Protein backbone atom coordinates (compact mmCIF):
# COMPACT_ATOMS: atom_id res chain seq x y z
CA MET A 1 58.45 -37.87 -9.39
CA ASN A 2 59.19 -34.39 -8.12
CA THR A 3 57.14 -32.85 -10.94
CA GLN A 4 54.18 -35.07 -10.14
CA SER A 5 54.13 -34.10 -6.45
CA ALA A 6 54.40 -30.41 -7.42
CA ASN A 7 51.41 -30.82 -9.72
CA VAL A 8 49.42 -32.50 -6.94
CA ARG A 9 50.28 -29.67 -4.52
CA THR A 10 49.28 -27.07 -7.10
CA MET A 11 46.05 -28.91 -7.77
CA LEU A 12 45.24 -29.18 -4.04
CA ARG A 13 46.04 -25.49 -3.52
CA THR A 14 43.71 -24.58 -6.41
CA TYR A 15 40.91 -26.75 -4.99
CA GLY A 16 41.47 -25.16 -1.57
CA LYS A 17 41.11 -21.69 -3.06
CA GLN A 18 37.96 -22.76 -4.90
CA LEU A 19 36.54 -24.22 -1.70
CA THR A 20 37.29 -21.00 0.20
CA SER A 21 35.67 -18.94 -2.57
CA ALA A 22 32.63 -21.23 -2.58
CA LYS A 23 32.24 -20.83 1.20
CA ARG A 24 32.46 -17.04 0.91
CA LEU A 25 29.92 -17.04 -1.90
CA ALA A 26 27.58 -19.25 0.16
CA ARG A 27 27.84 -16.88 3.14
CA PHE A 28 27.23 -13.91 0.86
CA ARG A 29 24.13 -15.54 -0.65
CA GLN A 30 22.89 -16.45 2.81
CA ALA A 31 23.34 -12.84 3.95
CA LEU A 32 21.41 -11.62 0.92
CA GLY A 33 18.65 -14.10 1.66
CA ALA A 34 18.45 -12.93 5.27
CA SER A 35 18.12 -9.29 4.25
CA LYS A 36 15.43 -10.01 1.67
CA PRO A 37 12.52 -10.04 4.16
CA MET A 38 13.66 -6.61 5.36
CA ASP A 39 13.60 -5.41 1.75
CA ASP A 40 10.08 -6.80 1.39
CA ILE A 41 8.99 -5.01 4.55
CA ALA A 42 10.50 -1.75 3.29
CA LYS A 43 8.78 -2.17 -0.08
CA GLN A 44 5.46 -2.91 1.63
CA ALA A 45 5.84 0.16 3.84
CA LYS A 46 6.60 2.35 0.83
CA ARG A 47 3.63 0.90 -1.04
CA ARG A 48 1.37 1.45 1.96
CA GLU A 49 2.52 5.06 2.23
CA LEU A 50 1.87 5.60 -1.47
CA VAL A 51 -1.57 3.96 -1.26
CA GLU A 52 -2.50 6.19 1.69
CA ARG A 53 -1.33 9.33 -0.13
CA ILE A 54 -3.35 8.43 -3.24
CA ALA A 55 -6.37 7.50 -1.12
CA HIS A 56 -6.18 10.91 0.53
CA GLU A 57 -6.17 12.56 -2.90
CA VAL A 58 -9.12 10.42 -4.01
CA ILE A 59 -11.13 11.50 -0.97
CA GLU A 60 -10.23 15.13 -1.64
CA ASN A 61 -11.41 14.59 -5.23
CA LEU A 62 -14.63 13.05 -3.94
CA ILE A 63 -15.31 16.05 -1.73
CA VAL A 64 -14.23 18.88 -4.01
CA ASN A 65 -15.34 17.82 -7.51
CA ALA A 66 -18.95 17.55 -8.61
CA GLU A 67 -18.07 15.08 -11.38
CA HIS A 68 -16.66 11.80 -10.10
CA SER A 69 -14.02 9.55 -11.62
CA PRO A 70 -14.83 5.83 -12.00
CA VAL A 71 -12.86 5.02 -8.83
CA VAL A 72 -14.71 7.66 -6.80
CA ALA A 73 -18.05 6.47 -8.23
CA ALA A 74 -17.24 2.89 -7.19
CA ILE A 75 -16.30 4.04 -3.69
CA LEU A 76 -19.55 5.98 -3.31
CA GLU A 77 -21.59 3.05 -4.63
CA GLN A 78 -20.04 0.68 -2.10
CA LEU A 79 -20.55 3.18 0.71
CA GLU A 80 -24.19 3.67 -0.28
CA SER A 81 -24.81 -0.08 -0.54
CA GLU A 82 -23.30 -0.71 2.89
CA PHE A 83 -25.16 2.08 4.69
CA GLY A 84 -28.35 2.07 2.61
CA HIS A 85 -28.28 5.83 1.97
CA ARG A 86 -26.78 8.19 -0.55
CA TYR A 87 -24.31 10.66 0.93
CA LEU A 88 -23.03 14.03 -0.21
CA PHE A 89 -19.69 15.41 0.98
CA GLU A 90 -18.88 19.11 0.96
CA TYR A 91 -16.65 21.69 2.52
CA PRO A 92 -18.47 24.68 3.99
CA VAL A 93 -17.56 28.16 2.75
CA ASP A 94 -16.08 29.10 6.12
CA GLY A 95 -13.37 26.43 5.67
CA SER A 96 -14.36 24.22 8.58
CA ASP A 97 -14.32 20.40 8.48
CA VAL A 98 -16.06 18.42 5.76
CA GLN A 99 -19.83 18.02 6.12
CA ILE A 100 -21.72 14.85 5.29
CA LEU A 101 -25.31 15.07 4.13
CA ARG A 102 -27.58 12.06 3.86
CA GLU A 103 -30.23 12.23 1.16
CA THR A 104 -33.74 11.45 2.45
CA GLU A 105 -37.29 11.80 1.15
CA HIS A 106 -37.61 15.12 2.98
CA GLY A 107 -34.31 16.52 1.70
CA PRO A 108 -30.71 16.30 2.83
CA LEU A 109 -29.91 15.91 6.53
CA TYR A 110 -26.58 16.61 8.21
CA VAL A 111 -24.82 13.53 9.59
CA GLU A 112 -23.08 14.18 12.90
CA GLY A 113 -21.52 12.44 15.89
CA SER A 114 -20.70 8.76 15.92
CA GLU A 115 -22.55 8.12 12.65
CA ARG A 116 -20.34 10.70 10.92
CA SER A 117 -17.21 9.11 12.37
CA LYS A 118 -18.39 5.68 11.27
CA ILE A 119 -19.05 6.89 7.71
CA MET A 120 -15.69 8.68 7.45
CA ARG A 121 -13.82 5.65 8.79
CA ARG A 122 -15.59 3.33 6.35
CA LEU A 123 -15.02 5.80 3.51
CA TRP A 124 -11.29 5.72 4.28
CA GLU A 125 -11.22 1.90 4.45
CA ILE A 126 -13.08 1.51 1.14
CA THR A 127 -10.85 4.09 -0.53
CA LEU A 128 -7.67 2.37 0.69
CA SER A 129 -8.97 -0.95 -0.57
CA LYS A 130 -9.94 0.42 -4.01
CA VAL A 131 -6.63 2.24 -4.47
CA ASP A 132 -4.65 -0.81 -3.35
CA ASP A 133 -6.58 -3.06 -5.75
CA THR A 134 -6.07 -0.75 -8.71
CA MET A 135 -2.33 -0.12 -8.13
CA LEU A 136 0.23 -2.30 -9.85
């Protein structure tokens, strides 16, 4: 009889340890689950930063190079379709800010003021969208 009660106590102690371990594991899993949204936010922030950096390089490529990559060509096509004009982007020799020229029947015209700001803002938005869509 004494052996049987010792076995029962040992069995209950083992189950108690298993129950304690299961509770710890459940709390650990719950803590991991709670931190997961923060990980997602951090990953999204890193991705956003990377997309912005690549978009900046794409715009630099658009301005500096005469020959355009397929991504740059798609960006320019969308910009032209939205605004109804073809635009040229160039840096002046003196190193000042980028100049935007709109092609017209009478030759290129400089775009300035609010129209220039609007075009640059839309160019940035289109570029971010294209880069984000093409990234894995």
